[in-house]
Amino acid sequence: KFVVIKDKKCEYNSQFQMYLSTNMLHPQYSEEFAAHVMIVNFTSGGDVLETQLLAAVLQDEDQQLYKEWFHISTLESTVAVSIKGGQDSLLDLLCSFDGSLLDSTTNLREVIRIKDELGATAKLKE
């Protein structure tokens, strides 16, 4: 097997691996390059790095398990974003009150609606 690098034909070994590193905080890679490599962000915390490596191993070892894991991870992220949005809405609403919260039935209904949404979202997470 051969690959062409610039104008030169080079022998290709399927066991060849290359490791690159950079000090750049947010390196920009072309889509073509990113499609052929596994990018590991070592500036991330331990949990994020562990998740990246787990994804890479699952993708290589068991496609079906990877798809299930990916679906669950995506659902968890969606739920976390939804909960954060609900909490932010609730805090904004509470900060915008003039006077007592109990004086306005509209405000109380909104607080109860947000609370119910957060409860439903939390049940999804379980």
Protein backbone atom coordinates (compact mmCIF):
# COMPACT_ATOMS: atom_id res chain seq x y z
CA LYS A 1 0.00 0.00 0.00
CA PHE A 2 1.14 3.51 -0.81
CA VAL A 3 0.02 7.06 0.03
CA VAL A 4 0.93 10.22 -1.82
CA ILE A 5 2.46 12.99 0.26
CA LYS A 6 2.91 16.11 -1.84
CA ASP A 7 4.34 14.65 -5.06
CA LYS A 8 6.06 11.62 -3.51
CA LYS A 9 4.71 8.05 -3.17
CA CYS A 10 5.35 6.65 0.31
CA GLU A 11 4.87 3.13 1.57
CA TYR A 12 1.94 2.84 3.99
CA ASN A 13 1.94 0.66 7.11
CA SER A 14 -1.47 0.04 8.70
CA GLN A 15 0.22 -0.18 12.14
CA PHE A 16 1.56 3.38 11.86
CA GLN A 17 0.35 5.78 14.56
CA MET A 18 1.20 9.43 15.04
CA TYR A 19 0.69 11.50 18.16
CA LEU A 20 0.56 15.29 17.95
CA SER A 21 0.24 17.78 20.76
CA THR A 22 -0.19 21.52 20.96
CA ASN A 23 -0.06 24.23 23.60
CA MET A 24 -2.91 26.08 21.90
CA LEU A 25 -5.98 26.36 24.12
CA HIS A 26 -8.52 26.03 21.29
CA PRO A 27 -6.84 24.64 18.18
CA GLN A 28 -8.90 24.77 15.00
CA TYR A 29 -8.78 21.69 12.80
CA SER A 30 -10.30 21.22 9.38
CA GLU A 31 -13.29 18.85 9.20
CA GLU A 32 -11.27 16.53 6.95
CA PHE A 33 -8.46 16.30 9.51
CA ALA A 34 -10.82 15.89 12.47
CA ALA A 35 -12.64 13.04 10.71
CA HIS A 36 -9.45 10.97 10.60
CA VAL A 37 -8.07 11.52 14.08
CA MET A 38 -9.11 11.19 17.68
CA ILE A 39 -8.72 14.53 19.45
CA VAL A 40 -8.23 14.32 23.22
CA ASN A 41 -8.39 17.56 25.16
CA PHE A 42 -5.98 17.14 28.08
CA THR A 43 -6.85 20.57 29.45
CA SER A 44 -10.23 19.17 30.47
CA GLY A 45 -10.86 17.78 33.91
CA GLY A 46 -10.45 14.10 34.72
CA ASP A 47 -14.13 13.27 34.24
CA VAL A 48 -14.23 14.77 30.75
CA LEU A 49 -11.03 13.00 29.72
CA GLU A 50 -12.37 9.72 31.09
CA THR A 51 -15.57 10.17 29.06
CA GLN A 52 -13.61 10.91 25.88
CA LEU A 53 -11.48 7.81 26.30
CA LEU A 54 -14.49 5.63 27.15
CA ALA A 55 -16.20 6.81 23.98
CA ALA A 56 -13.14 5.99 21.87
CA VAL A 57 -12.81 2.49 23.33
CA LEU A 58 -16.53 1.72 23.01
CA GLN A 59 -16.60 2.96 19.44
CA ASP A 60 -13.74 0.61 18.53
CA GLU A 61 -14.89 -2.40 20.54
CA ASP A 62 -18.70 -2.52 20.45
CA GLN A 63 -20.70 -0.27 18.10
CA GLN A 64 -24.10 -1.21 19.59
CA LEU A 65 -22.97 -0.47 23.14
CA TYR A 66 -21.42 2.79 21.91
CA LYS A 67 -24.72 3.84 20.32
CA GLU A 68 -26.61 3.09 23.56
CA TRP A 69 -24.02 4.93 25.64
CA PHE A 70 -24.09 7.90 23.24
CA HIS A 71 -27.91 8.06 23.43
CA ILE A 72 -27.86 8.00 27.25
CA SER A 73 -25.08 10.61 27.40
CA THR A 74 -26.98 12.89 25.02
CA LEU A 75 -30.16 12.50 27.09
CA GLU A 76 -28.25 13.29 30.30
CA SER A 77 -26.80 16.45 28.73
CA THR A 78 -30.22 17.56 27.50
CA VAL A 79 -31.75 17.01 30.94
CA ALA A 80 -28.90 18.90 32.64
CA VAL A 81 -29.32 21.86 30.28
CA SER A 82 -33.09 21.81 30.82
CA ILE A 83 -32.71 21.78 34.61
CA LYS A 84 -30.19 24.64 34.47
CA GLY A 85 -32.56 26.65 32.26
CA GLY A 86 -35.46 26.04 34.67
CA GLN A 87 -33.36 27.04 37.65
CA ASP A 88 -32.26 30.22 35.89
CA SER A 89 -35.87 31.06 34.96
CA LEU A 90 -36.97 30.51 38.54
CA LEU A 91 -34.17 32.69 39.92
CA ASP A 92 -34.95 35.45 37.39
CA LEU A 93 -38.61 35.32 38.35
CA LEU A 94 -37.84 35.41 42.08
CA CYS A 95 -35.44 38.34 41.62
CA SER A 96 -37.96 40.33 39.61
CA PHE A 97 -40.64 40.35 42.32
CA ASP A 98 -41.64 43.63 43.87
CA GLY A 99 -43.10 43.09 47.29
CA SER A 100 -44.29 39.71 48.48
CA LEU A 101 -44.33 36.63 46.29
CA LEU A 102 -47.69 35.70 47.79
CA ASP A 103 -49.33 38.94 46.59
CA SER A 104 -49.46 37.87 42.93
CA THR A 105 -51.33 34.74 41.82
CA THR A 106 -49.72 35.09 38.37
CA ASN A 107 -46.25 34.93 39.91
CA LEU A 108 -47.23 31.99 42.10
CA ARG A 109 -48.60 30.10 39.09
CA GLU A 110 -45.37 30.73 37.19
CA VAL A 111 -43.26 29.49 40.12
CA ILE A 112 -45.41 26.34 40.37
CA ARG A 113 -45.20 25.78 36.59
CA ILE A 114 -41.39 26.01 36.64
CA LYS A 115 -41.21 23.76 39.71
CA ASP A 116 -43.37 21.14 37.97
CA GLU A 117 -41.20 21.32 34.83
CA LEU A 118 -38.07 20.83 36.92
CA GLY A 119 -39.69 17.89 38.72
CA ALA A 120 -40.65 16.23 35.43
CA THR A 121 -37.16 16.78 34.04
CA ALA A 122 -35.56 15.36 37.20
CA LYS A 123 -37.70 12.21 36.83
CA LEU A 124 -36.36 11.79 33.27
CA LYS A 125 -32.84 11.88 34.65
CA GLU A 126 -33.57 8.96 36.98
